[in-house]
N, C-alpha and C. Protein backbone atom coordinates (compact mmCIF):
# COMPACT_ATOMS: atom_id res chain seq x y z
N MET A 1 0.98 -0.48 0.12
CA MET A 1 -0.22 0.36 -0.15
C MET A 1 1.30 1.37 -0.02
N TYR A 2 0.48 2.19 -0.93
CA TYR A 2 1.34 3.38 -0.94
C TYR A 2 0.31 4.73 -0.98
N TRP A 3 0.92 5.53 -0.25
CA TRP A 3 0.14 6.97 -0.30
C TRP A 3 1.12 8.43 -0.23
N TYR A 4 0.63 8.97 -0.73
CA TYR A 4 1.63 10.24 -1.35
C TYR A 4 0.54 11.77 -0.57
N SER A 5 1.56 12.45 -0.23
CA SER A 5 1.11 13.68 0.43
C SER A 5 1.55 14.96 -0.29
N ASN A 6 0.45 15.30 -0.96
CA ASN A 6 1.33 16.20 -2.10
C ASN A 6 0.76 17.76 -1.78
N LYS A 7 1.74 18.78 -1.93
CA LYS A 7 1.27 20.30 -0.90
C LYS A 7 0.99 21.14 -2.15
N ASN A 8 1.40 20.64 -3.26
CA ASN A 8 1.51 21.70 -4.08
C ASN A 8 -0.12 21.50 -4.97
N LEU A 9 -0.54 22.73 -4.93
CA LEU A 9 -1.75 23.26 -5.15
C LEU A 9 -1.59 23.56 -6.55
N GLY A 10 -2.93 23.15 -7.59
CA GLY A 10 -3.12 23.07 -8.85
C GLY A 10 -4.46 24.26 -9.22
N ASP A 11 -4.38 24.81 -10.46
CA ASP A 11 -5.26 25.89 -10.62
C ASP A 11 -6.29 25.74 -10.24
N ASN A 12 -7.07 24.60 -10.68
CA ASN A 12 -8.11 24.03 -10.28
C ASN A 12 -8.45 24.62 -8.44
N ASP A 13 -7.60 23.96 -7.67
CA ASP A 13 -7.59 23.91 -6.16
C ASP A 13 -7.45 26.17 -6.30
N ILE A 14 -6.89 26.45 -6.59
CA ILE A 14 -7.25 28.13 -6.28
C ILE A 14 -8.06 28.45 -7.16
N GLU A 15 -9.03 28.06 -7.72
CA GLU A 15 -10.19 28.67 -8.55
C GLU A 15 -11.28 28.56 -6.95
N LEU A 16 -10.99 26.83 -6.79
CA LEU A 16 -11.53 26.56 -5.59
C LEU A 16 -11.73 27.47 -4.16
N LEU A 17 -10.60 27.88 -3.95
CA LEU A 17 -10.03 28.97 -2.76
C LEU A 17 -10.40 29.89 -2.78
N ALA A 18 -10.99 30.60 -4.41
CA ALA A 18 -10.93 31.95 -4.37
C ALA A 18 -11.95 32.53 -3.76
N ARG A 19 -11.28 34.14 -3.14
CA ARG A 19 -11.87 34.61 -2.22
C ARG A 19 -12.06 34.13 -0.86
N THR A 20 -11.32 33.34 -0.33
CA THR A 20 -11.23 32.64 0.77
C THR A 20 -9.65 33.43 1.61
N GLU A 21 -10.00 33.16 2.94
CA GLU A 21 -9.05 33.38 3.57
C GLU A 21 -7.20 33.19 3.26
N THR A 22 -7.70 31.72 2.89
CA THR A 22 -6.71 30.46 2.19
C THR A 22 -5.69 31.51 1.47
N VAL A 23 -6.34 32.29 0.12
CA VAL A 23 -5.94 32.78 -0.62
C VAL A 23 -5.23 33.98 -0.56
N GLU A 24 -5.54 35.04 0.87
CA GLU A 24 -5.70 35.81 1.07
C GLU A 24 -4.37 35.91 1.47
N LYS A 25 -3.84 34.56 2.60
CA LYS A 25 -2.68 34.35 3.19
C LYS A 25 -1.84 33.93 2.36
N MET A 26 -1.83 33.48 1.16
CA MET A 26 -0.92 33.01 0.30
C MET A 26 -0.53 34.06 -0.63
N MET A 27 -1.58 35.06 -1.06
CA MET A 27 -1.07 36.16 -1.74
C MET A 27 -0.21 37.09 -0.70
N ARG A 28 -0.14 36.98 0.54
CA ARG A 28 0.55 37.56 1.27
C ARG A 28 2.25 37.32 1.46
N ASN A 29 2.18 36.01 0.94
CA ASN A 29 3.52 34.90 1.05
C ASN A 29 3.81 34.29 -0.15
N ARG A 30 4.22 35.33 -1.12
CA ARG A 30 4.68 34.50 -2.14
C ARG A 30 6.05 35.70 -3.15
N VAL A 31 6.08 35.07 -3.72
CA VAL A 31 7.30 35.48 -4.69
C VAL A 31 7.67 35.08 -5.90
N THR A 32 8.17 36.31 -7.03
CA THR A 32 8.18 35.93 -8.15
C THR A 32 9.32 35.74 -8.77
N VAL A 33 10.04 35.18 -9.29
CA VAL A 33 11.52 34.70 -9.43
C VAL A 33 11.35 34.42 -11.22
N ASP A 34 12.59 35.50 -11.44
CA ASP A 34 12.64 35.23 -12.89
C ASP A 34 14.38 34.52 -13.12
N PHE A 35 14.54 33.37 -13.79
CA PHE A 35 15.73 32.67 -13.48
C PHE A 35 16.76 33.24 -14.62
N GLY A 36 16.12 34.11 -15.49
CA GLY A 36 16.89 35.17 -16.69
C GLY A 36 17.69 34.29 -17.31
N ASP A 37 19.06 33.93 -17.34
CA ASP A 37 20.16 33.36 -17.93
C ASP A 37 20.37 32.27 -17.44
N ARG A 38 19.75 31.54 -16.02
CA ARG A 38 20.00 30.48 -15.36
C ARG A 38 19.15 29.44 -15.54
N LYS A 39 19.65 28.30 -15.54
CA LYS A 39 19.07 27.21 -15.71
C LYS A 39 17.28 27.21 -14.92
N THR A 40 16.30 26.62 -15.23
CA THR A 40 15.15 26.88 -14.28
C THR A 40 15.54 25.39 -13.85
N PRO A 41 15.35 25.66 -12.38
CA PRO A 41 16.13 24.33 -11.43
C PRO A 41 14.72 23.40 -11.54
N SER A 42 14.76 22.15 -10.85
CA SER A 42 14.06 21.01 -10.90
C SER A 42 12.92 21.75 -9.33
N PHE A 43 11.89 20.73 -9.06
CA PHE A 43 11.65 20.69 -7.97
C PHE A 43 12.27 20.34 -6.86
N ASP A 44 13.26 19.26 -7.05
CA ASP A 44 14.17 18.79 -6.00
C ASP A 44 15.20 19.83 -5.58
N GLU A 45 15.69 20.35 -6.82
CA GLU A 45 16.69 21.49 -6.56
C GLU A 45 16.27 22.50 -5.63
N ILE A 46 15.01 22.74 -5.48
CA ILE A 46 14.21 24.06 -5.23
C ILE A 46 13.70 23.66 -3.56
N GLY A 47 13.90 22.54 -3.20
CA GLY A 47 13.19 22.11 -2.30
C GLY A 47 11.89 22.20 -1.67
N LEU A 48 10.76 21.84 -2.91
CA LEU A 48 9.54 22.38 -2.33
C LEU A 48 9.08 20.75 -1.74
N ASP A 49 9.50 19.36 -1.59
CA ASP A 49 9.27 18.71 -0.97
C ASP A 49 9.34 18.32 0.70
N ASN A 50 10.00 19.70 0.94
CA ASN A 50 9.97 19.86 2.72
C ASN A 50 9.70 21.09 3.04
N THR A 51 8.52 21.17 2.28
CA THR A 51 7.12 22.09 2.90
C THR A 51 6.38 22.22 4.26
N HIS A 52 5.94 22.93 4.85
CA HIS A 52 5.71 22.55 6.21
C HIS A 52 4.06 22.70 5.93
N ASP A 53 3.67 23.54 4.89
CA ASP A 53 2.15 23.60 4.60
C ASP A 53 2.17 23.54 2.85
N MET A 54 0.90 23.74 2.58
CA MET A 54 0.47 24.05 0.96
C MET A 54 1.37 25.07 -0.10
N TYR A 55 1.31 25.02 -1.08
CA TYR A 55 1.84 25.98 -1.89
C TYR A 55 1.60 25.84 -3.40
N TYR A 56 1.66 26.98 -4.21
CA TYR A 56 1.21 26.99 -5.43
C TYR A 56 2.09 27.83 -6.07
N ILE A 57 2.37 26.83 -7.63
CA ILE A 57 3.28 28.02 -8.20
C ILE A 57 2.40 28.12 -9.78
N LYS A 58 2.65 29.35 -10.11
CA LYS A 58 1.84 30.27 -11.41
C LYS A 58 2.71 30.43 -11.92
N ILE A 59 2.95 30.06 -13.47
CA ILE A 59 3.84 30.28 -14.20
C ILE A 59 3.41 31.56 -15.25
N LEU A 60 4.49 32.73 -14.92
CA LEU A 60 4.30 34.06 -15.29
C LEU A 60 4.79 34.05 -17.16
N GLY A 61 5.46 33.28 -16.93
CA GLY A 61 6.20 33.50 -18.45
C GLY A 61 7.36 32.55 -18.98
N ASN A 62 8.13 33.17 -19.74
CA ASN A 62 9.46 31.79 -20.24
C ASN A 62 10.27 32.29 -18.85
N LYS A 63 11.03 31.04 -17.97
CA LYS A 63 11.71 31.12 -16.71
C LYS A 63 11.00 32.03 -15.79
N VAL A 64 9.75 32.91 -15.83
CA VAL A 64 9.25 33.76 -14.75
C VAL A 64 8.19 32.90 -13.92
N LEU A 65 8.34 32.18 -12.62
CA LEU A 65 7.60 31.76 -11.95
C LEU A 65 7.08 32.55 -10.56
N GLN A 66 6.38 31.96 -10.26
CA GLN A 66 5.41 32.48 -8.96
C GLN A 66 5.30 32.03 -7.78
N PHE A 67 5.65 31.66 -6.84
CA PHE A 67 5.61 30.80 -5.82
C PHE A 67 4.59 31.00 -4.86
N TRP A 68 3.87 30.93 -4.57
CA TRP A 68 2.80 31.19 -3.21
C TRP A 68 2.83 30.27 -1.64
N PHE A 69 2.77 30.97 -0.75
CA PHE A 69 2.94 29.73 0.12
C PHE A 69 2.03 29.92 1.20
N TYR A 70 1.38 28.89 2.08
CA TYR A 70 0.37 29.18 3.02
C TYR A 70 0.92 29.59 4.01
N ASP A 71 2.25 28.82 4.42
CA ASP A 71 2.97 29.15 5.52
C ASP A 71 4.09 29.63 5.51
N ALA A 72 4.37 31.01 6.07
CA ALA A 72 5.32 31.99 6.18
C ALA A 72 6.78 31.43 5.96
N ARG A 73 6.44 30.34 7.01
CA ARG A 73 7.89 29.56 7.05
C ARG A 73 8.72 29.21 5.63
N ASP A 74 7.77 28.71 4.75
CA ASP A 74 7.90 28.44 3.36
C ASP A 74 8.39 29.17 2.76
N LEU A 75 7.98 30.24 2.76
CA LEU A 75 8.57 31.08 2.02
C LEU A 75 9.84 31.92 2.28
N LEU A 76 10.25 32.24 3.87
CA LEU A 76 11.26 32.35 4.19
C LEU A 76 12.75 31.06 3.93
N ASP A 77 12.27 29.75 4.11
CA ASP A 77 13.40 28.58 3.69
C ASP A 77 13.71 28.89 2.03
N PHE A 78 12.30 29.21 1.31
CA PHE A 78 12.58 29.26 0.20
C PHE A 78 13.53 29.92 -0.51
N GLU A 79 13.58 31.34 0.42
CA GLU A 79 14.03 32.45 -0.25
C GLU A 79 15.70 32.11 0.37
N GLN A 80 15.83 31.21 0.99
CA GLN A 80 17.00 31.06 1.46
C GLN A 80 17.71 30.06 0.53
N ILE A 81 16.88 29.23 -0.16
CA ILE A 81 17.41 28.32 -1.14
C ILE A 81 17.58 28.87 -2.58
N LEU A 82 16.99 29.90 -2.48
CA LEU A 82 17.22 30.86 -3.92
C LEU A 82 18.31 31.28 -3.88
N HIS A 83 18.50 32.00 -2.54
CA HIS A 83 20.14 32.51 -2.49
C HIS A 83 21.29 31.47 -2.87
N GLU A 84 21.11 30.23 -2.30
CA GLU A 84 21.95 29.16 -2.71
C GLU A 84 22.05 28.75 -3.85
N TYR A 85 20.90 28.91 -4.70
CA TYR A 85 20.75 28.44 -5.91
C TYR A 85 21.61 29.47 -6.55
N LYS A 86 21.58 30.59 -6.52
CA LYS A 86 22.06 31.72 -7.18
C LYS A 86 23.55 32.09 -7.30
N ILE A 87 24.07 31.56 -6.27
CA ILE A 87 25.67 31.26 -5.56
C ILE A 87 26.12 30.06 -6.55
N LYS A 88 25.34 29.16 -6.53
CA LYS A 88 26.18 27.76 -6.93
C LYS A 88 25.45 27.18 -8.43
N ALA A 89 24.71 27.55 -8.80
CA ALA A 89 23.74 27.28 -10.25
C ALA A 89 24.70 28.18 -11.53
N PRO A 90 25.37 27.89 -12.31
CA PRO A 90 26.11 28.69 -13.55
C PRO A 90 25.09 29.15 -14.41
N VAL A 91 25.61 30.12 -14.96
CA VAL A 91 24.39 31.08 -15.78
C VAL A 91 24.68 30.39 -17.16
N ASN A 92 23.88 29.86 -18.19
CA ASN A 92 23.70 29.68 -19.52
C ASN A 92 24.43 30.35 -19.93
N ASP A 93 25.25 29.72 -21.29
CA ASP A 93 26.19 30.12 -22.36
C ASP A 93 25.17 30.97 -23.36
N LYS A 94 25.13 31.67 -23.73
CA LYS A 94 24.48 32.01 -24.78
C LYS A 94 24.93 32.07 -26.56
């Protein structure tokens, strides 16, 4: 027997939660990331499997993603991971 805990919300989930305290809280805990010349990391590389609560990823464009978190601790952890990724991830050659 297997079961999985998935804290990643989809577009349909966000639509169901529209105009609720949950979405309002998540909108306060969001960050937009433009990866620019860097390779867009995999979800394993950005540590979203260790979140405390649910999160949502919105694709805004090519290499531009917005991350919404329910728990402010997840936003703080994610920003730390972004700093580490920026230091160690190579810039793509053009």
